[in-house]
């Protein structure tokens, strides 16, 4: 499925307004870019890493204001799928 990117947190990979192609799957490997649902309603596209009960979602951006997000087992995290490509319209 395609997910429309809204924001600059992954602008080194996919630009704001572009469409990220996501392969629907429940599991991704450490270091892969994933579409992730946080707390049931905040979908985000980030580099995914899991160490035991800790999940790290890392932005890949030119903008240093975007910070790495770290979650423990008390936060509901659902992997929606793996990023496999993009569709961008050049203006």
N, C-alpha and C. Protein backbone atom coordinates (compact mmCIF):
# COMPACT_ATOMS: atom_id res chain seq x y z
N UNK A 1 0.84 -1.17 0.00
CA UNK A 1 0.00 0.00 0.00
C UNK A 1 0.88 1.24 0.00
N UNK A 2 0.31 2.36 -0.40
CA UNK A 2 1.03 3.62 -0.37
C UNK A 2 0.60 4.43 0.84
N UNK A 3 1.57 5.10 1.45
CA UNK A 3 1.33 5.96 2.60
C UNK A 3 1.85 7.34 2.23
N UNK A 4 1.01 8.36 2.30
CA UNK A 4 1.45 9.71 1.97
C UNK A 4 2.28 10.27 3.12
N UNK A 5 3.47 10.73 2.80
CA UNK A 5 4.40 11.26 3.80
C UNK A 5 4.02 12.69 4.14
N UNK A 6 3.88 12.95 5.43
CA UNK A 6 3.54 14.28 5.91
C UNK A 6 4.60 14.69 6.94
N UNK A 7 5.56 15.49 6.50
CA UNK A 7 6.61 15.94 7.41
C UNK A 7 7.99 15.71 6.85
N UNK A 8 8.97 16.17 7.60
CA UNK A 8 10.36 16.15 7.16
C UNK A 8 11.24 15.18 7.94
N UNK A 9 10.66 14.33 8.78
CA UNK A 9 11.48 13.48 9.65
C UNK A 9 12.23 12.38 8.90
N UNK A 10 11.84 12.10 7.66
CA UNK A 10 12.53 11.07 6.87
C UNK A 10 12.99 11.64 5.52
N UNK A 11 13.28 12.93 5.47
CA UNK A 11 13.52 13.59 4.18
C UNK A 11 14.79 13.14 3.46
N UNK A 12 15.69 12.43 4.12
CA UNK A 12 16.85 11.87 3.41
C UNK A 12 16.46 10.63 2.62
N UNK A 13 15.29 10.06 2.93
CA UNK A 13 14.81 8.85 2.27
C UNK A 13 13.64 9.17 1.34
N UNK A 14 12.66 9.91 1.86
CA UNK A 14 11.46 10.22 1.10
C UNK A 14 10.96 11.61 1.51
N UNK A 15 10.65 12.43 0.51
CA UNK A 15 10.28 13.82 0.76
C UNK A 15 8.85 13.97 1.28
N UNK A 16 8.63 15.09 1.96
CA UNK A 16 7.29 15.48 2.39
C UNK A 16 6.38 15.55 1.16
N UNK A 17 5.21 14.95 1.24
CA UNK A 17 4.24 14.96 0.15
C UNK A 17 4.38 13.79 -0.80
N UNK A 18 5.47 13.05 -0.73
CA UNK A 18 5.66 11.89 -1.59
C UNK A 18 4.86 10.71 -1.03
N UNK A 19 4.83 9.64 -1.78
CA UNK A 19 4.13 8.43 -1.34
C UNK A 19 5.15 7.33 -1.08
N UNK A 20 5.14 6.80 0.13
CA UNK A 20 6.00 5.69 0.51
C UNK A 20 5.27 4.39 0.20
N UNK A 21 5.96 3.48 -0.50
CA UNK A 21 5.39 2.17 -0.80
C UNK A 21 5.73 1.24 0.36
N UNK A 22 4.71 0.68 0.97
CA UNK A 22 4.86 -0.16 2.16
C UNK A 22 4.37 -1.57 1.86
N UNK A 23 5.22 -2.56 2.15
CA UNK A 23 4.80 -3.96 2.04
C UNK A 23 4.20 -4.35 3.39
N UNK A 24 2.93 -4.70 3.40
CA UNK A 24 2.25 -5.04 4.65
C UNK A 24 2.88 -6.29 5.25
N UNK A 25 3.39 -6.14 6.48
CA UNK A 25 3.95 -7.26 7.22
C UNK A 25 4.04 -6.86 8.68
N UNK A 26 4.03 -7.86 9.57
CA UNK A 26 4.00 -7.62 11.01
C UNK A 26 5.37 -7.51 11.65
N UNK A 27 6.40 -7.96 10.93
CA UNK A 27 7.75 -8.01 11.49
C UNK A 27 8.72 -7.36 10.51
N UNK A 28 9.66 -6.57 11.03
CA UNK A 28 10.76 -6.04 10.23
C UNK A 28 12.07 -6.32 10.96
N UNK A 29 13.14 -6.33 10.22
CA UNK A 29 14.47 -6.55 10.80
C UNK A 29 15.01 -5.25 11.36
N UNK A 30 15.89 -5.34 12.34
CA UNK A 30 16.56 -4.16 12.87
C UNK A 30 17.28 -3.42 11.74
N UNK A 31 17.11 -2.10 11.72
CA UNK A 31 17.75 -1.28 10.71
C UNK A 31 16.90 -1.01 9.49
N UNK A 32 15.78 -1.72 9.34
CA UNK A 32 14.90 -1.48 8.20
C UNK A 32 13.97 -0.30 8.52
N UNK A 33 13.48 0.33 7.47
CA UNK A 33 12.52 1.42 7.62
C UNK A 33 11.12 0.82 7.62
N UNK A 34 10.32 1.23 8.62
CA UNK A 34 9.00 0.64 8.78
C UNK A 34 7.94 1.71 9.01
N UNK A 35 6.73 1.39 8.59
CA UNK A 35 5.55 2.17 8.97
C UNK A 35 5.06 1.55 10.27
N UNK A 36 4.97 2.38 11.31
CA UNK A 36 4.66 1.90 12.65
C UNK A 36 3.52 2.72 13.24
N UNK A 37 2.61 2.05 13.91
CA UNK A 37 1.51 2.70 14.61
C UNK A 37 1.86 2.75 16.09
N UNK A 38 1.90 3.96 16.65
CA UNK A 38 2.25 4.15 18.06
C UNK A 38 0.98 4.51 18.83
N UNK A 39 0.68 3.77 19.88
CA UNK A 39 -0.50 4.00 20.73
C UNK A 39 -1.80 3.96 19.95
N UNK A 40 -1.85 3.20 18.88
CA UNK A 40 -3.08 2.98 18.16
C UNK A 40 -3.52 4.07 17.21
N UNK A 41 -2.82 5.22 17.18
CA UNK A 41 -3.30 6.28 16.29
C UNK A 41 -2.21 7.13 15.65
N UNK A 42 -0.99 7.11 16.13
CA UNK A 42 0.08 7.92 15.55
C UNK A 42 0.92 7.07 14.60
N UNK A 43 0.64 7.12 13.30
CA UNK A 43 1.43 6.37 12.33
C UNK A 43 2.68 7.17 11.99
N UNK A 44 3.80 6.46 11.89
CA UNK A 44 5.06 7.12 11.58
C UNK A 44 5.92 6.20 10.72
N UNK A 45 6.77 6.81 9.92
CA UNK A 45 7.73 6.09 9.09
C UNK A 45 9.11 6.38 9.66
N UNK A 46 9.80 5.35 10.15
CA UNK A 46 11.10 5.54 10.80
C UNK A 46 11.96 4.30 10.63
N UNK A 47 13.27 4.48 10.86
CA UNK A 47 14.20 3.35 10.95
C UNK A 47 13.91 2.63 12.26
N UNK A 48 13.69 1.32 12.18
CA UNK A 48 13.21 0.52 13.30
C UNK A 48 14.33 -0.33 13.89
N UNK A 49 14.43 -0.32 15.22
CA UNK A 49 15.35 -1.21 15.93
C UNK A 49 14.65 -1.68 17.20
N UNK A 50 14.81 -2.96 17.53
CA UNK A 50 14.24 -3.49 18.77
C UNK A 50 15.33 -4.24 19.53
N UNK A 51 15.48 -3.91 20.82
CA UNK A 51 16.38 -4.60 21.73
C UNK A 51 15.54 -5.07 22.92
N UNK A 52 15.27 -6.36 22.98
CA UNK A 52 14.42 -6.92 24.03
C UNK A 52 13.07 -6.21 24.03
N UNK A 53 12.72 -5.52 25.13
CA UNK A 53 11.43 -4.83 25.22
C UNK A 53 11.49 -3.36 24.80
N UNK A 54 12.63 -2.92 24.30
CA UNK A 54 12.79 -1.50 23.92
C UNK A 54 12.76 -1.38 22.40
N UNK A 55 11.92 -0.46 21.91
CA UNK A 55 11.82 -0.18 20.48
C UNK A 55 12.33 1.23 20.24
N UNK A 56 13.20 1.36 19.25
CA UNK A 56 13.79 2.65 18.89
C UNK A 56 13.33 2.99 17.47
N UNK A 57 12.73 4.17 17.32
CA UNK A 57 12.30 4.68 16.02
C UNK A 57 13.15 5.91 15.71
N UNK A 58 13.96 5.81 14.66
CA UNK A 58 14.96 6.83 14.37
C UNK A 58 14.63 7.58 13.09
N UNK A 59 14.57 8.93 13.15
CA UNK A 59 14.37 9.71 11.94
C UNK A 59 15.64 9.69 11.08
N UNK A 60 15.47 9.89 9.78
CA UNK A 60 16.59 10.02 8.87
C UNK A 60 16.37 11.33 8.12
N UNK A 61 16.82 12.43 8.74
CA UNK A 61 16.45 13.76 8.28
C UNK A 61 17.64 14.72 8.28
N UNK A 62 17.56 15.70 7.40
CA UNK A 62 18.52 16.81 7.40
C UNK A 62 18.24 17.77 8.55
N UNK A 63 17.05 17.68 9.13
CA UNK A 63 16.62 18.59 10.19
C UNK A 63 16.94 17.98 11.56
N UNK A 64 17.89 18.57 12.30
CA UNK A 64 18.30 18.00 13.58
C UNK A 64 17.25 18.12 14.69
N UNK A 65 16.16 18.83 14.44
CA UNK A 65 15.13 18.96 15.48
C UNK A 65 14.34 17.66 15.66
N UNK A 66 14.42 16.74 14.70
CA UNK A 66 13.74 15.45 14.84
C UNK A 66 14.59 14.53 15.69
N UNK A 67 14.01 14.04 16.76
CA UNK A 67 14.73 13.23 17.73
C UNK A 67 14.33 11.76 17.63
N UNK A 68 15.26 10.89 18.02
CA UNK A 68 14.98 9.46 18.10
C UNK A 68 13.93 9.23 19.17
N UNK A 69 12.97 8.36 18.86
CA UNK A 69 11.89 8.02 19.79
C UNK A 69 12.19 6.65 20.39
N UNK A 70 12.13 6.55 21.71
CA UNK A 70 12.42 5.30 22.40
C UNK A 70 11.19 4.90 23.22
N UNK A 71 10.75 3.66 23.03
CA UNK A 71 9.54 3.17 23.70
C UNK A 71 9.85 1.87 24.44
N UNK A 72 9.18 1.69 25.58
CA UNK A 72 9.32 0.43 26.31
C UNK A 72 8.06 -0.41 26.11
N UNK A 73 7.98 -1.51 26.84
CA UNK A 73 6.85 -2.45 26.67
C UNK A 73 5.51 -1.86 27.08
N UNK A 74 5.49 -0.71 27.75
CA UNK A 74 4.24 -0.08 28.17
C UNK A 74 3.58 0.72 27.06
N UNK A 75 4.26 0.90 25.94
CA UNK A 75 3.71 1.63 24.80
C UNK A 75 3.25 0.64 23.74
N UNK A 76 2.04 0.84 23.25
CA UNK A 76 1.49 -0.03 22.20
C UNK A 76 2.15 0.32 20.86
N UNK A 77 2.89 -0.63 20.30
CA UNK A 77 3.57 -0.46 19.02
C UNK A 77 3.08 -1.55 18.08
N UNK A 78 2.64 -1.15 16.88
CA UNK A 78 2.22 -2.14 15.88
C UNK A 78 2.93 -1.82 14.57
N UNK A 79 3.65 -2.79 14.05
CA UNK A 79 4.30 -2.63 12.75
C UNK A 79 3.26 -2.83 11.67
N UNK A 80 3.11 -1.82 10.81
CA UNK A 80 2.17 -1.90 9.69
C UNK A 80 2.81 -2.53 8.46
N UNK A 81 4.12 -2.27 8.29
CA UNK A 81 4.81 -2.84 7.15
C UNK A 81 6.19 -2.25 6.95
N UNK A 82 6.86 -2.78 5.93
CA UNK A 82 8.23 -2.40 5.59
C UNK A 82 8.24 -1.45 4.40
N UNK A 83 9.02 -0.38 4.52
CA UNK A 83 9.20 0.57 3.41
C UNK A 83 10.02 -0.11 2.31
N UNK A 84 9.48 -0.09 1.08
CA UNK A 84 10.20 -0.74 -0.03
C UNK A 84 10.41 0.17 -1.23
N UNK A 85 9.87 1.38 -1.20
CA UNK A 85 10.07 2.29 -2.31
C UNK A 85 9.26 3.55 -2.15
N UNK A 86 9.31 4.42 -3.18
CA UNK A 86 8.59 5.68 -3.10
C UNK A 86 8.12 6.12 -4.47
N UNK A 87 7.14 7.01 -4.44
CA UNK A 87 6.62 7.66 -5.64
C UNK A 87 6.61 9.15 -5.35
N UNK A 88 7.43 9.89 -6.09
CA UNK A 88 7.50 11.34 -5.90
C UNK A 88 7.19 12.04 -7.22
N UNK A 89 6.50 13.15 -7.12
CA UNK A 89 6.23 13.98 -8.28
C UNK A 89 7.18 15.15 -8.24
N UNK A 90 8.01 15.29 -9.26
CA UNK A 90 8.95 16.41 -9.32
C UNK A 90 8.26 17.63 -9.89
N UNK A 91 8.38 18.74 -9.16
CA UNK A 91 7.78 20.00 -9.63
C UNK A 91 8.81 20.87 -10.28
